[in-house]
Protein backbone atom coordinates (compact mmCIF):
# COMPACT_ATOMS: atom_id res chain seq x y z
CA UNK A 1 -67.84 49.60 -4.65
CA UNK A 2 -67.93 45.93 -3.78
CA UNK A 3 -66.13 44.32 -0.89
CA UNK A 4 -62.45 43.61 -1.57
CA UNK A 5 -60.50 40.96 0.32
CA UNK A 6 -56.98 41.33 -1.03
CA UNK A 7 -53.78 39.43 -0.52
CA UNK A 8 -50.94 41.74 -1.51
CA UNK A 9 -47.42 40.58 -2.29
CA UNK A 10 -44.04 42.25 -2.62
CA UNK A 11 -40.70 40.63 -3.37
CA UNK A 12 -40.18 39.60 0.28
CA UNK A 13 -43.53 40.15 1.97
CA UNK A 14 -47.19 39.15 2.01
CA UNK A 15 -49.82 41.60 3.29
CA UNK A 16 -52.92 39.70 4.39
CA UNK A 17 -55.98 40.17 6.59
CA UNK A 18 -55.50 39.53 10.29
CA UNK A 19 -56.65 36.30 11.93
CA UNK A 20 -57.18 35.55 15.64
CA UNK A 21 -54.00 33.47 15.86
CA UNK A 22 -51.91 36.59 15.04
CA UNK A 23 -52.41 37.81 18.62
CA UNK A 24 -49.00 36.78 20.14
CA UNK A 25 -46.97 38.26 17.27
CA UNK A 26 -49.01 41.49 17.15
CA UNK A 27 -48.81 41.91 20.90
CA UNK A 28 -45.03 41.40 20.88
CA UNK A 29 -44.44 44.58 18.84
CA UNK A 30 -47.51 46.57 19.99
CA UNK A 31 -46.37 46.30 23.62
CA UNK A 32 -42.79 47.42 22.81
CA UNK A 33 -42.35 51.05 23.91
CA UNK A 34 -39.56 51.60 21.39
CA UNK A 35 -41.80 50.45 18.49
CA UNK A 36 -44.79 52.63 19.44
CA UNK A 37 -42.78 55.66 20.64
CA UNK A 38 -44.03 57.90 17.80
CA UNK A 39 -47.37 56.19 17.18
CA UNK A 40 -50.78 57.22 18.56
CA UNK A 41 -51.27 53.91 20.40
CA UNK A 42 -49.49 51.72 22.91
CA UNK A 43 -47.61 50.34 24.51
CA UNK A 44 -50.51 47.89 24.48
CA UNK A 45 -51.80 45.74 27.28
CA UNK A 46 -52.87 42.28 26.11
CA UNK A 47 -56.48 43.47 26.30
CA UNK A 48 -55.63 46.45 24.02
CA UNK A 49 -54.17 44.09 21.42
CA UNK A 50 -57.14 41.69 21.65
CA UNK A 51 -59.53 44.64 21.13
CA UNK A 52 -57.46 45.90 18.19
CA UNK A 53 -57.51 42.52 16.45
CA UNK A 54 -61.23 42.00 17.07
CA UNK A 55 -61.98 45.47 15.68
CA UNK A 56 -59.89 44.91 12.54
CA UNK A 57 -61.39 41.47 11.89
CA UNK A 58 -64.91 42.83 12.40
CA UNK A 59 -64.34 45.89 10.16
CA UNK A 60 -63.37 43.81 7.15
CA UNK A 61 -66.85 42.27 7.16
CA UNK A 62 -68.39 45.63 6.21
CA UNK A 63 -70.36 45.36 2.98
CA UNK A 64 -68.45 48.28 1.50
CA UNK A 65 -64.92 48.11 2.81
CA UNK A 66 -63.12 51.40 3.30
CA UNK A 67 -60.44 50.33 5.78
CA UNK A 68 -57.83 47.65 5.10
CA UNK A 69 -55.55 46.56 7.94
CA UNK A 70 -52.97 43.95 7.03
CA UNK A 71 -50.60 41.66 8.86
CA UNK A 72 -47.12 41.98 7.32
CA UNK A 73 -45.70 38.49 6.76
CA UNK A 74 -42.07 37.74 5.92
CA UNK A 75 -42.31 35.18 3.10
CA UNK A 76 -39.05 33.35 3.83
CA UNK A 77 -39.94 32.65 7.48
CA UNK A 78 -43.76 32.78 7.22
CA UNK A 79 -43.47 35.13 10.21
CA UNK A 80 -45.65 38.12 11.15
CA UNK A 81 -43.30 41.10 11.48
CA UNK A 82 -45.72 44.04 11.69
CA UNK A 83 -48.89 45.64 10.44
CA UNK A 84 -50.01 48.27 7.99
CA UNK A 85 -53.21 49.89 6.81
CA UNK A 86 -54.83 51.97 4.13
CA UNK A 87 -58.11 53.74 4.79
CA UNK A 88 -60.41 55.68 2.49
CA UNK A 89 -60.76 58.94 4.41
CA UNK A 90 -63.02 60.76 1.95
CA UNK A 91 -64.84 58.82 -0.77
CA UNK A 92 -66.00 62.00 -2.60
CA UNK A 93 -62.47 63.40 -2.78
CA UNK A 94 -61.03 59.94 -3.57
CA UNK A 95 -58.61 60.40 -0.68
CA UNK A 96 -56.98 57.83 1.57
CA UNK A 97 -54.30 57.48 4.24
CA UNK A 98 -51.62 54.89 4.92
CA UNK A 99 -49.65 53.77 7.97
CA UNK A 100 -47.27 50.98 8.97
CA UNK A 101 -45.55 49.54 12.04
CA UNK A 102 -42.82 46.88 12.19
CA UNK A 103 -41.30 44.88 15.02
CA UNK A 104 -37.97 46.39 16.07
CA UNK A 105 -35.78 43.52 14.84
CA UNK A 106 -37.01 44.17 11.28
CA UNK A 107 -36.15 47.87 11.15
CA UNK A 108 -33.57 49.19 8.70
CA UNK A 109 -33.93 46.37 6.16
CA UNK A 110 -36.22 48.08 3.63
CA UNK A 111 -39.40 46.26 4.70
CA UNK A 112 -41.28 49.47 5.59
CA UNK A 113 -40.47 50.88 2.14
CA UNK A 114 -41.79 47.71 0.47
CA UNK A 115 -44.98 47.87 2.55
CA UNK A 116 -45.60 51.57 1.91
CA UNK A 117 -45.02 51.23 -1.85
CA UNK A 118 -47.47 48.33 -2.04
CA UNK A 119 -50.11 50.30 -0.09
CA UNK A 120 -49.78 53.20 -2.54
CA UNK A 121 -50.08 50.86 -5.52
CA UNK A 122 -53.15 49.18 -4.01
CA UNK A 123 -54.73 52.53 -3.15
CA UNK A 124 -54.27 54.06 -6.57
CA UNK A 125 -54.93 50.97 -8.71
CA UNK A 126 -57.51 48.92 -6.79
CA UNK A 127 -59.24 51.59 -4.72
CA UNK A 128 -59.06 54.27 -7.46
CA UNK A 129 -57.85 56.93 -5.06
CA UNK A 130 -56.67 60.31 -6.33
CA UNK A 131 -54.63 61.35 -3.27
CA UNK A 132 -53.02 59.34 -0.49
CA UNK A 133 -51.50 60.90 2.60
CA UNK A 134 -49.53 59.80 5.65
CA UNK A 135 -48.88 61.48 8.99
CA UNK A 136 -45.53 61.21 10.72
CA UNK A 137 -44.18 62.40 14.07
CA UNK A 138 -41.50 65.05 13.38
CA UNK A 139 -38.93 63.08 15.42
CA UNK A 140 -39.59 59.83 13.52
CA UNK A 141 -36.73 60.26 11.06
CA UNK A 142 -36.84 56.63 9.85
CA UNK A 143 -40.50 56.87 8.84
CA UNK A 144 -39.89 60.25 7.23
CA UNK A 145 -37.13 58.69 5.09
CA UNK A 146 -39.52 55.90 4.00
CA UNK A 147 -42.20 58.37 2.92
CA UNK A 148 -39.70 60.45 0.95
CA UNK A 149 -38.14 57.33 -0.60
CA UNK A 150 -41.52 56.14 -1.95
CA UNK A 151 -42.07 59.53 -3.59
CA UNK A 152 -44.45 61.22 -1.17
CA UNK A 153 -43.98 64.97 -0.64
CA UNK A 154 -44.15 66.84 2.60
CA UNK A 155 -47.16 69.13 2.32
CA UNK A 156 -47.37 70.54 5.79
CA UNK A 157 -46.48 70.70 9.45
CA UNK A 158 -49.57 70.16 11.60
CA UNK A 159 -49.06 71.83 14.97
CA UNK A 160 -50.53 70.11 18.03
CA UNK A 161 -52.53 67.87 15.72
CA UNK A 162 -52.99 64.82 17.94
CA UNK A 163 -53.47 64.22 21.67
CA UNK A 164 -51.12 61.37 22.53
CA UNK A 165 -49.34 60.25 25.72
CA UNK A 166 -50.81 63.11 27.74
CA UNK A 167 -49.81 65.95 25.41
CA UNK A 168 -50.64 67.60 22.10
CA UNK A 169 -48.20 66.40 19.45
CA UNK A 170 -47.22 67.79 16.07
CA UNK A 171 -47.39 65.75 12.86
CA UNK A 172 -45.82 66.08 9.43
CA UNK A 173 -48.19 65.63 6.49
CA UNK A 174 -46.90 63.76 3.43
CA UNK A 175 -48.97 62.99 0.32
CA UNK A 176 -48.89 61.67 -3.23
CA UNK A 177 -51.27 62.05 -6.18
CA UNK A 178 -52.24 59.24 -8.55
CA UNK A 179 -50.53 60.91 -11.52
CA UNK A 180 -47.28 61.20 -9.53
CA UNK A 181 -47.34 57.44 -8.92
CA UNK A 182 -47.90 56.83 -12.65
CA UNK A 183 -45.00 59.17 -13.51
CA UNK A 184 -42.71 57.31 -11.11
CA UNK A 185 -43.67 53.95 -12.60
CA UNK A 186 -43.15 55.28 -16.14
CA UNK A 187 -39.69 56.63 -15.24
CA UNK A 188 -38.83 53.33 -13.56
CA UNK A 189 -39.83 51.37 -16.71
CA UNK A 190 -37.85 53.76 -18.93
CA UNK A 191 -34.71 53.38 -16.79
CA UNK A 192 -35.01 49.58 -16.98
CA UNK A 193 -34.96 49.78 -20.81
CA UNK A 194 -31.63 51.64 -20.81
């Protein structure tokens, strides 16, 4: 598989590779305790955010790219409002995972749903994945609603799956198969004809 450097677009958003100048905007949400409450990182120090950005920028230079981290840009304001990623977790099984994080002032406006849908589309169509999964903290009801809304199914409850903030934490496992995405798109096209 050759290296892919995508620019993904939704109705209101652009998902693009990170650049060094994204640091202030990324740090603003990554250092917000409320934003990272259910995530495995943060709240970030400035050094944490610098290291994160450097790592993501460096990783995209890999000859065969298997991890795509994107800055989420609001088209109307040309403003960075969060981040998201899709990673190929097992090339042989054609499996990948997705995740997303938005600045607090952009919650509850459907942006996370737009981002997650676009990541699924990119994963199934461009990366030729068969299965895409996402992990979610059981108390993160907003993220759970997003995953259900985009058509992912809860497949499991992973007990004490991740060490985070000084304790073992549970995670919910959601997933979707490529054929399920195609069925959803077909049903969507059929309903538009009516």
